[in-house]
Amino acid sequence: MIDMRIYVVARGYFEGMRGRSEEREALGAFRVISINATGEEPPFGVEFLGLPTLLVLRFDDVSESYEDGVFMTSQDAKRGIDFVVGESPEKSLVIHCTAGVSRSGAVGEVLNDWLNRIVSPNEADYERFRREHPHLVPNTHVRRLLLAEIERRMAL
């Protein structure tokens, strides 16, 4: 059984570590999905941006009902799933976006359901995530794209 702990945090969690030893420790201990809005730089030192345990995505907290903004794409969803099943699967996963509620909430929720219910059932980690993240309001567009990518993979 894989022990898949997933955490959703606000961008400020990492901003507070930037340039300090905690930044290196966190990026060594966890896999991180960094979701950044258009024009927003990741909250990490440039020396960490090439780490295989850090995935940087760039899209706004919008859905198709909005006319403006950079939307998450199916390619972003594929990159996210590739990242999760690829490098260092034994490390816990931390996902952040600006507020740690909508974009990262959708990613965390979908991955928790998929990884802790289907890939390697772990009811304790599944329930822990739900208990520790009651504030999430997942972006429906992000959720739909991730679910479509998971369904595509499961059909192969």
N, C-alpha and C. Protein backbone atom coordinates (compact mmCIF):
# COMPACT_ATOMS: atom_id res chain seq x y z
N MET A 1 0.84 -1.18 0.00
CA MET A 1 0.00 0.00 0.00
C MET A 1 0.88 1.24 0.00
N ILE A 2 0.59 2.18 -0.89
CA ILE A 2 1.31 3.46 -0.95
C ILE A 2 0.73 4.39 0.11
N ASP A 3 1.58 5.03 0.87
CA ASP A 3 1.15 6.02 1.85
C ASP A 3 1.12 7.36 1.13
N MET A 4 -0.06 7.74 0.56
CA MET A 4 -0.13 8.95 -0.24
C MET A 4 -0.79 10.08 0.53
N ARG A 5 0.03 10.83 1.19
CA ARG A 5 -0.47 12.01 1.88
C ARG A 5 -0.43 13.18 0.93
N ILE A 6 -1.55 13.88 0.87
CA ILE A 6 -1.71 15.01 -0.03
C ILE A 6 -2.10 16.22 0.80
N TYR A 7 -1.44 17.33 0.56
CA TYR A 7 -1.72 18.56 1.28
C TYR A 7 -1.98 19.68 0.28
N VAL A 8 -2.95 20.51 0.57
CA VAL A 8 -3.25 21.69 -0.23
C VAL A 8 -2.97 22.90 0.64
N VAL A 9 -2.15 23.81 0.12
CA VAL A 9 -1.77 25.00 0.88
C VAL A 9 -1.87 26.25 -0.01
N ALA A 10 -1.87 27.39 0.64
CA ALA A 10 -1.82 28.66 -0.08
C ALA A 10 -0.38 28.96 -0.47
N ARG A 11 -0.22 29.80 -1.45
CA ARG A 11 1.08 30.22 -1.95
C ARG A 11 1.98 30.75 -0.83
N GLY A 12 1.39 31.43 0.13
CA GLY A 12 2.13 32.01 1.23
C GLY A 12 2.93 31.00 2.04
N TYR A 13 2.49 29.76 2.04
CA TYR A 13 3.22 28.71 2.76
C TYR A 13 4.66 28.63 2.27
N PHE A 14 4.83 28.67 0.96
CA PHE A 14 6.18 28.59 0.38
C PHE A 14 6.86 29.95 0.34
N GLU A 15 6.10 31.02 0.18
CA GLU A 15 6.71 32.35 0.16
C GLU A 15 7.43 32.64 1.47
N GLY A 16 6.87 32.16 2.57
CA GLY A 16 7.49 32.37 3.87
C GLY A 16 8.81 31.63 4.05
N MET A 17 9.06 30.63 3.23
CA MET A 17 10.30 29.84 3.32
C MET A 17 11.37 30.32 2.37
N ARG A 18 11.00 31.12 1.40
CA ARG A 18 11.92 31.47 0.32
C ARG A 18 13.21 32.07 0.85
N GLY A 19 14.32 31.50 0.35
CA GLY A 19 15.64 31.98 0.74
C GLY A 19 16.12 31.47 2.09
N ARG A 20 15.34 30.65 2.74
CA ARG A 20 15.72 30.10 4.04
C ARG A 20 15.96 28.59 3.90
N SER A 21 16.58 28.00 4.89
CA SER A 21 16.89 26.56 4.82
C SER A 21 15.63 25.71 4.72
N GLU A 22 14.50 26.21 5.23
CA GLU A 22 13.25 25.47 5.17
C GLU A 22 12.79 25.23 3.73
N GLU A 23 13.14 26.16 2.83
CA GLU A 23 12.76 26.00 1.43
C GLU A 23 13.42 24.75 0.85
N ARG A 24 14.71 24.60 1.06
CA ARG A 24 15.45 23.44 0.57
C ARG A 24 14.92 22.16 1.22
N GLU A 25 14.66 22.21 2.51
CA GLU A 25 14.15 21.03 3.23
C GLU A 25 12.77 20.61 2.70
N ALA A 26 11.88 21.57 2.51
CA ALA A 26 10.54 21.24 2.02
C ALA A 26 10.59 20.66 0.62
N LEU A 27 11.40 21.26 -0.24
CA LEU A 27 11.48 20.77 -1.62
C LEU A 27 12.25 19.45 -1.70
N GLY A 28 12.97 19.08 -0.67
CA GLY A 28 13.61 17.77 -0.62
C GLY A 28 12.71 16.71 -0.03
N ALA A 29 11.79 17.12 0.82
CA ALA A 29 10.93 16.16 1.52
C ALA A 29 9.64 15.84 0.78
N PHE A 30 9.17 16.76 -0.05
CA PHE A 30 7.88 16.62 -0.71
C PHE A 30 8.01 16.70 -2.22
N ARG A 31 6.98 16.22 -2.91
CA ARG A 31 6.78 16.56 -4.31
C ARG A 31 5.81 17.74 -4.28
N VAL A 32 6.02 18.71 -5.15
CA VAL A 32 5.21 19.92 -5.11
C VAL A 32 4.64 20.23 -6.49
N ILE A 33 3.33 20.46 -6.53
CA ILE A 33 2.69 21.00 -7.72
C ILE A 33 2.42 22.47 -7.42
N SER A 34 3.08 23.34 -8.16
CA SER A 34 2.99 24.78 -7.98
C SER A 34 2.11 25.36 -9.07
N ILE A 35 0.90 25.81 -8.70
CA ILE A 35 -0.03 26.38 -9.67
C ILE A 35 0.02 27.89 -9.53
N ASN A 36 0.40 28.55 -10.62
CA ASN A 36 0.60 29.99 -10.60
C ASN A 36 -0.29 30.66 -11.63
N ALA A 37 -0.80 31.83 -11.27
CA ALA A 37 -1.63 32.61 -12.19
C ALA A 37 -0.76 33.23 -13.27
N THR A 38 -1.40 33.69 -14.33
CA THR A 38 -0.71 34.37 -15.42
C THR A 38 0.10 35.53 -14.84
N GLY A 39 1.37 35.59 -15.19
CA GLY A 39 2.23 36.67 -14.73
C GLY A 39 2.77 36.49 -13.32
N GLU A 40 2.39 35.44 -12.65
CA GLU A 40 2.83 35.18 -11.27
C GLU A 40 3.99 34.19 -11.31
N GLU A 41 5.10 34.55 -10.71
CA GLU A 41 6.25 33.66 -10.66
C GLU A 41 6.08 32.64 -9.52
N PRO A 42 6.61 31.44 -9.68
CA PRO A 42 6.54 30.46 -8.60
C PRO A 42 7.25 30.99 -7.35
N PRO A 43 6.77 30.62 -6.17
CA PRO A 43 7.34 31.16 -4.93
C PRO A 43 8.60 30.43 -4.46
N PHE A 44 9.47 30.09 -5.40
CA PHE A 44 10.68 29.34 -5.07
C PHE A 44 11.89 30.05 -5.67
N GLY A 45 13.03 29.83 -5.06
CA GLY A 45 14.26 30.34 -5.63
C GLY A 45 14.53 29.69 -6.97
N VAL A 46 15.17 30.42 -7.89
CA VAL A 46 15.41 29.90 -9.23
C VAL A 46 16.23 28.61 -9.22
N GLU A 47 17.05 28.42 -8.20
CA GLU A 47 17.87 27.21 -8.14
C GLU A 47 17.05 25.94 -7.95
N PHE A 48 15.78 26.10 -7.56
CA PHE A 48 14.92 24.93 -7.33
C PHE A 48 13.98 24.63 -8.49
N LEU A 49 13.86 25.53 -9.43
CA LEU A 49 12.85 25.39 -10.48
C LEU A 49 13.05 24.20 -11.39
N GLY A 50 14.24 23.63 -11.47
CA GLY A 50 14.49 22.47 -12.32
C GLY A 50 14.41 21.14 -11.60
N LEU A 51 14.04 21.15 -10.32
CA LEU A 51 13.98 19.88 -9.57
C LEU A 51 12.93 18.93 -10.17
N PRO A 52 13.25 17.65 -10.23
CA PRO A 52 12.26 16.70 -10.76
C PRO A 52 11.07 16.49 -9.82
N THR A 53 11.17 16.96 -8.58
CA THR A 53 10.07 16.83 -7.63
C THR A 53 9.24 18.11 -7.53
N LEU A 54 9.43 19.03 -8.49
CA LEU A 54 8.66 20.28 -8.55
C LEU A 54 8.05 20.43 -9.94
N LEU A 55 6.74 20.52 -9.99
CA LEU A 55 6.03 20.77 -11.25
C LEU A 55 5.41 22.15 -11.16
N VAL A 56 5.76 23.01 -12.10
CA VAL A 56 5.21 24.36 -12.17
C VAL A 56 4.18 24.41 -13.29
N LEU A 57 2.95 24.78 -12.94
CA LEU A 57 1.88 24.96 -13.91
C LEU A 57 1.43 26.42 -13.85
N ARG A 58 0.94 26.92 -14.99
CA ARG A 58 0.51 28.32 -15.06
C ARG A 58 -0.87 28.40 -15.72
N PHE A 59 -1.87 28.70 -14.91
CA PHE A 59 -3.21 28.98 -15.42
C PHE A 59 -3.99 29.71 -14.34
N ASP A 60 -4.96 30.49 -14.79
CA ASP A 60 -5.75 31.30 -13.88
C ASP A 60 -6.89 30.49 -13.26
N ASP A 61 -7.48 31.05 -12.23
CA ASP A 61 -8.61 30.41 -11.56
C ASP A 61 -9.88 30.81 -12.29
N VAL A 62 -10.03 30.27 -13.50
CA VAL A 62 -11.19 30.58 -14.34
C VAL A 62 -11.74 29.28 -14.92
N SER A 63 -12.95 29.35 -15.40
CA SER A 63 -13.56 28.22 -16.11
C SER A 63 -14.03 28.70 -17.47
N GLU A 64 -14.61 27.81 -18.26
CA GLU A 64 -15.00 28.18 -19.62
C GLU A 64 -16.05 29.27 -19.66
N SER A 65 -16.74 29.51 -18.58
CA SER A 65 -17.79 30.53 -18.59
C SER A 65 -17.21 31.95 -18.61
N TYR A 66 -15.92 32.08 -18.39
CA TYR A 66 -15.26 33.38 -18.45
C TYR A 66 -14.65 33.57 -19.83
N GLU A 67 -14.63 34.80 -20.29
CA GLU A 67 -14.06 35.07 -21.60
C GLU A 67 -12.57 35.35 -21.53
N ASP A 68 -12.10 35.88 -20.42
CA ASP A 68 -10.70 36.25 -20.28
C ASP A 68 -9.98 35.30 -19.33
N GLY A 69 -8.68 35.22 -19.51
CA GLY A 69 -7.88 34.41 -18.61
C GLY A 69 -7.22 33.26 -19.33
N VAL A 70 -6.25 32.67 -18.68
CA VAL A 70 -5.55 31.50 -19.19
C VAL A 70 -6.15 30.29 -18.48
N PHE A 71 -6.74 29.40 -19.26
CA PHE A 71 -7.41 28.23 -18.71
C PHE A 71 -6.45 27.06 -18.56
N MET A 72 -6.73 26.21 -17.59
CA MET A 72 -6.02 24.94 -17.53
C MET A 72 -6.35 24.18 -18.80
N THR A 73 -5.36 23.48 -19.34
CA THR A 73 -5.56 22.70 -20.57
C THR A 73 -5.48 21.21 -20.26
N SER A 74 -5.89 20.39 -21.23
CA SER A 74 -5.76 18.94 -21.05
C SER A 74 -4.27 18.56 -20.96
N GLN A 75 -3.40 19.33 -21.60
CA GLN A 75 -1.95 19.08 -21.49
C GLN A 75 -1.47 19.33 -20.06
N ASP A 76 -2.00 20.37 -19.40
CA ASP A 76 -1.66 20.62 -18.00
C ASP A 76 -2.11 19.43 -17.14
N ALA A 77 -3.32 18.93 -17.41
CA ALA A 77 -3.83 17.78 -16.65
C ALA A 77 -2.93 16.57 -16.86
N LYS A 78 -2.52 16.33 -18.09
CA LYS A 78 -1.62 15.21 -18.39
C LYS A 78 -0.29 15.37 -17.66
N ARG A 79 0.28 16.56 -17.69
CA ARG A 79 1.54 16.81 -17.00
C ARG A 79 1.39 16.56 -15.50
N GLY A 80 0.26 16.98 -14.93
CA GLY A 80 0.03 16.77 -13.50
C GLY A 80 -0.04 15.29 -13.14
N ILE A 81 -0.78 14.53 -13.92
CA ILE A 81 -0.91 13.09 -13.64
C ILE A 81 0.42 12.39 -13.89
N ASP A 82 1.13 12.74 -14.97
CA ASP A 82 2.47 12.17 -15.22
C ASP A 82 3.39 12.42 -14.03
N PHE A 83 3.34 13.62 -13.50
CA PHE A 83 4.19 14.00 -12.37
C PHE A 83 3.87 13.14 -11.14
N VAL A 84 2.61 12.98 -10.87
CA VAL A 84 2.20 12.24 -9.67
C VAL A 84 2.57 10.77 -9.74
N VAL A 85 2.45 10.16 -10.91
CA VAL A 85 2.77 8.74 -11.02
C VAL A 85 4.23 8.50 -11.36
N GLY A 86 4.97 9.57 -11.60
CA GLY A 86 6.37 9.44 -12.01
C GLY A 86 7.36 9.53 -10.87
N GLU A 87 8.04 10.63 -10.80
CA GLU A 87 9.16 10.87 -9.90
C GLU A 87 8.81 10.73 -8.42
N SER A 88 9.59 9.96 -7.68
CA SER A 88 9.51 9.85 -6.21
C SER A 88 8.10 9.62 -5.67
N PRO A 89 7.44 8.55 -6.08
CA PRO A 89 6.06 8.33 -5.62
C PRO A 89 5.93 8.09 -4.12
N GLU A 90 7.04 7.83 -3.44
CA GLU A 90 6.98 7.59 -2.00
C GLU A 90 6.86 8.88 -1.20
N LYS A 91 7.12 10.03 -1.83
CA LYS A 91 7.06 11.32 -1.14
C LYS A 91 5.63 11.84 -1.12
N SER A 92 5.27 12.47 -0.01
CA SER A 92 3.97 13.12 0.06
C SER A 92 3.91 14.26 -0.94
N LEU A 93 2.70 14.66 -1.27
CA LEU A 93 2.47 15.66 -2.30
C LEU A 93 1.88 16.92 -1.68
N VAL A 94 2.47 18.07 -2.02
CA VAL A 94 1.94 19.36 -1.60
C VAL A 94 1.55 20.12 -2.86
N ILE A 95 0.33 20.65 -2.87
CA ILE A 95 -0.18 21.38 -4.02
C ILE A 95 -0.51 22.78 -3.54
N HIS A 96 -0.05 23.79 -4.27
CA HIS A 96 -0.41 25.15 -3.89
C HIS A 96 -0.92 25.93 -5.09
N CYS A 97 -1.76 26.90 -4.79
CA CYS A 97 -2.12 27.95 -5.73
C CYS A 97 -2.17 29.23 -4.89
N THR A 98 -2.70 30.28 -5.41
CA THR A 98 -2.66 31.54 -4.69
C THR A 98 -3.31 31.44 -3.32
N ALA A 99 -4.56 31.00 -3.27
CA ALA A 99 -5.28 30.92 -1.99
C ALA A 99 -5.30 29.53 -1.38
N GLY A 100 -4.96 28.50 -2.16
CA GLY A 100 -5.02 27.14 -1.65
C GLY A 100 -6.44 26.65 -1.47
N VAL A 101 -7.34 27.05 -2.36
CA VAL A 101 -8.75 26.70 -2.21
C VAL A 101 -9.34 26.10 -3.49
N SER A 102 -9.18 26.76 -4.62
CA SER A 102 -9.92 26.39 -5.82
C SER A 102 -9.12 25.53 -6.79
N ARG A 103 -8.08 26.09 -7.41
CA ARG A 103 -7.30 25.30 -8.38
C ARG A 103 -6.59 24.15 -7.68
N SER A 104 -5.84 24.47 -6.63
CA SER A 104 -5.13 23.40 -5.90
C SER A 104 -6.12 22.49 -5.19
N GLY A 105 -7.26 23.04 -4.79
CA GLY A 105 -8.30 22.22 -4.15
C GLY A 105 -8.83 21.17 -5.09
N ALA A 106 -9.05 21.54 -6.36
CA ALA A 106 -9.52 20.57 -7.35
C ALA A 106 -8.48 19.49 -7.59
N VAL A 107 -7.23 19.89 -7.74
CA VAL A 107 -6.15 18.91 -7.96
C VAL A 107 -6.05 17.97 -6.76
N GLY A 108 -6.03 18.53 -5.56
CA GLY A 108 -5.92 17.71 -4.35
C GLY A 108 -7.08 16.75 -4.19
N GLU A 109 -8.29 17.25 -4.41
CA GLU A 109 -9.48 16.41 -4.26
C GLU A 109 -9.48 15.25 -5.25
N VAL A 110 -9.21 15.54 -6.52
CA VAL A 110 -9.21 14.48 -7.54
C VAL A 110 -8.10 13.47 -7.27
N LEU A 111 -6.91 13.95 -6.94
CA LEU A 111 -5.80 13.02 -6.68
C LEU A 111 -6.05 12.19 -5.43
N ASN A 112 -6.63 12.79 -4.41
CA ASN A 112 -6.95 12.03 -3.20
C ASN A 112 -7.93 10.91 -3.52
N ASP A 113 -8.98 11.22 -4.25
CA ASP A 113 -9.95 10.18 -4.62
C ASP A 113 -9.29 9.09 -5.46
N TRP A 114 -8.53 9.48 -6.46
CA TRP A 114 -7.93 8.51 -7.38
C TRP A 114 -6.85 7.67 -6.70
N LEU A 115 -5.90 8.34 -6.05
CA LEU A 115 -4.76 7.61 -5.47
C LEU A 115 -5.14 6.82 -4.22
N ASN A 116 -5.93 7.42 -3.33
CA ASN A 116 -6.22 6.77 -2.06
C ASN A 116 -7.49 5.93 -2.06
N ARG A 117 -8.19 5.92 -3.18
CA ARG A 117 -9.38 5.08 -3.29
C ARG A 117 -9.24 4.03 -4.37
N ILE A 118 -8.50 4.32 -5.46
CA ILE A 118 -8.44 3.41 -6.59
C ILE A 118 -7.06 2.80 -6.77
N VAL A 119 -6.04 3.63 -6.91
CA VAL A 119 -4.69 3.13 -7.20
C VAL A 119 -4.17 2.27 -6.07
N SER A 120 -4.19 2.77 -4.88
CA SER A 120 -3.72 2.04 -3.70
C SER A 120 -4.63 2.39 -2.53
N PRO A 121 -5.76 1.69 -2.40
CA PRO A 121 -6.75 2.07 -1.39
C PRO A 121 -6.14 2.25 0.00
N ASN A 122 -6.37 3.43 0.53
CA ASN A 122 -5.87 3.78 1.85
C ASN A 122 -6.90 4.71 2.48
N GLU A 123 -7.86 4.12 3.15
CA GLU A 123 -8.97 4.88 3.71
C GLU A 123 -8.50 5.91 4.74
N ALA A 124 -7.44 5.60 5.49
CA ALA A 124 -6.94 6.54 6.50
C ALA A 124 -6.43 7.82 5.85
N ASP A 125 -5.63 7.71 4.76
CA ASP A 125 -5.14 8.90 4.08
C ASP A 125 -6.27 9.64 3.37
N TYR A 126 -7.19 8.89 2.79
CA TYR A 126 -8.34 9.50 2.13
C TYR A 126 -9.13 10.37 3.11
N GLU A 127 -9.47 9.81 4.24
CA GLU A 127 -10.25 10.54 5.26
C GLU A 127 -9.44 11.67 5.89
N ARG A 128 -8.15 11.47 6.09
CA ARG A 128 -7.30 12.52 6.65
C ARG A 128 -7.33 13.75 5.76
N PHE A 129 -7.20 13.55 4.44
CA PHE A 129 -7.25 14.67 3.51
C PHE A 129 -8.59 15.40 3.64
N ARG A 130 -9.67 14.68 3.62
CA ARG A 130 -11.00 15.31 3.71
C ARG A 130 -11.19 16.06 5.03
N ARG A 131 -10.69 15.50 6.10
CA ARG A 131 -10.81 16.12 7.42
C ARG A 131 -9.97 17.40 7.52
N GLU A 132 -8.75 17.37 6.94
CA GLU A 132 -7.84 18.51 7.04
C GLU A 132 -8.11 19.61 6.02
N HIS A 133 -8.98 19.36 5.05
CA HIS A 133 -9.22 20.34 3.98
C HIS A 133 -10.72 20.61 3.77
N PRO A 134 -11.46 20.95 4.82
CA PRO A 134 -12.90 21.19 4.64
C PRO A 134 -13.20 22.50 3.92
N HIS A 135 -12.23 23.37 3.79
CA HIS A 135 -12.40 24.70 3.21
C HIS A 135 -12.31 24.71 1.68
N LEU A 136 -11.98 23.61 1.05
CA LEU A 136 -11.76 23.60 -0.39
C LEU A 136 -13.05 23.85 -1.17
N VAL A 137 -12.92 24.63 -2.23
CA VAL A 137 -14.01 24.89 -3.17
C VAL A 137 -13.42 24.63 -4.56
N PRO A 138 -13.33 23.36 -4.96
CA PRO A 138 -12.60 22.99 -6.17
C PRO A 138 -13.14 23.62 -7.45
N ASN A 139 -12.24 24.10 -8.27
CA ASN A 139 -12.55 24.66 -9.58
C ASN A 139 -13.09 23.52 -10.46
N THR A 140 -14.30 23.66 -10.98
CA THR A 140 -14.94 22.57 -11.72
C THR A 140 -14.25 22.29 -13.06
N HIS A 141 -13.70 23.31 -13.69
CA HIS A 141 -12.98 23.10 -14.95
C HIS A 141 -11.72 22.27 -14.72
N VAL A 142 -10.97 22.59 -13.67
CA VAL A 142 -9.75 21.85 -13.34
C VAL A 142 -10.12 20.41 -12.99
N ARG A 143 -11.15 20.24 -12.19
CA ARG A 143 -11.59 18.90 -11.80
C ARG A 143 -11.96 18.07 -13.03
N ARG A 144 -12.74 18.65 -13.94
CA ARG A 144 -13.20 17.93 -15.13
C ARG A 144 -12.02 17.48 -16.00
N LEU A 145 -11.04 18.35 -16.22
CA LEU A 145 -9.88 17.98 -17.04
C LEU A 145 -9.05 16.87 -16.40
N LEU A 146 -8.86 16.93 -15.10
CA LEU A 146 -8.09 15.88 -14.41
C LEU A 146 -8.83 14.55 -14.47
N LEU A 147 -10.12 14.58 -14.24
CA LEU A 147 -10.90 13.33 -14.30
C LEU A 147 -10.88 12.74 -15.70
N ALA A 148 -10.94 13.58 -16.72
CA ALA A 148 -10.87 13.09 -18.10
C ALA A 148 -9.53 12.43 -18.38
N GLU A 149 -8.45 13.01 -17.87
CA GLU A 149 -7.12 12.41 -18.07
C GLU A 149 -7.00 11.08 -17.33
N ILE A 150 -7.53 11.00 -16.14
CA ILE A 150 -7.50 9.73 -15.39
C ILE A 150 -8.33 8.67 -16.12
N GLU A 151 -9.52 9.05 -16.59
CA GLU A 151 -10.35 8.10 -17.34
C GLU A 151 -9.64 7.62 -18.59
N ARG A 152 -8.98 8.53 -19.29
CA ARG A 152 -8.24 8.15 -20.50
C ARG A 152 -7.17 7.12 -20.17
N ARG A 153 -6.44 7.33 -19.09
CA ARG A 153 -5.37 6.41 -18.70
C ARG A 153 -5.92 5.05 -18.27
N MET A 154 -7.01 5.07 -17.56
CA MET A 154 -7.59 3.81 -17.07
C MET A 154 -8.17 2.99 -18.22
N ALA A 155 -8.52 3.64 -19.33
CA ALA A 155 -9.08 2.94 -20.49
C ALA A 155 -7.99 2.28 -21.32
N LEU A 156 -6.73 2.68 -21.13
CA LEU A 156 -5.61 2.12 -21.93
C LEU A 156 -5.34 0.68 -21.57
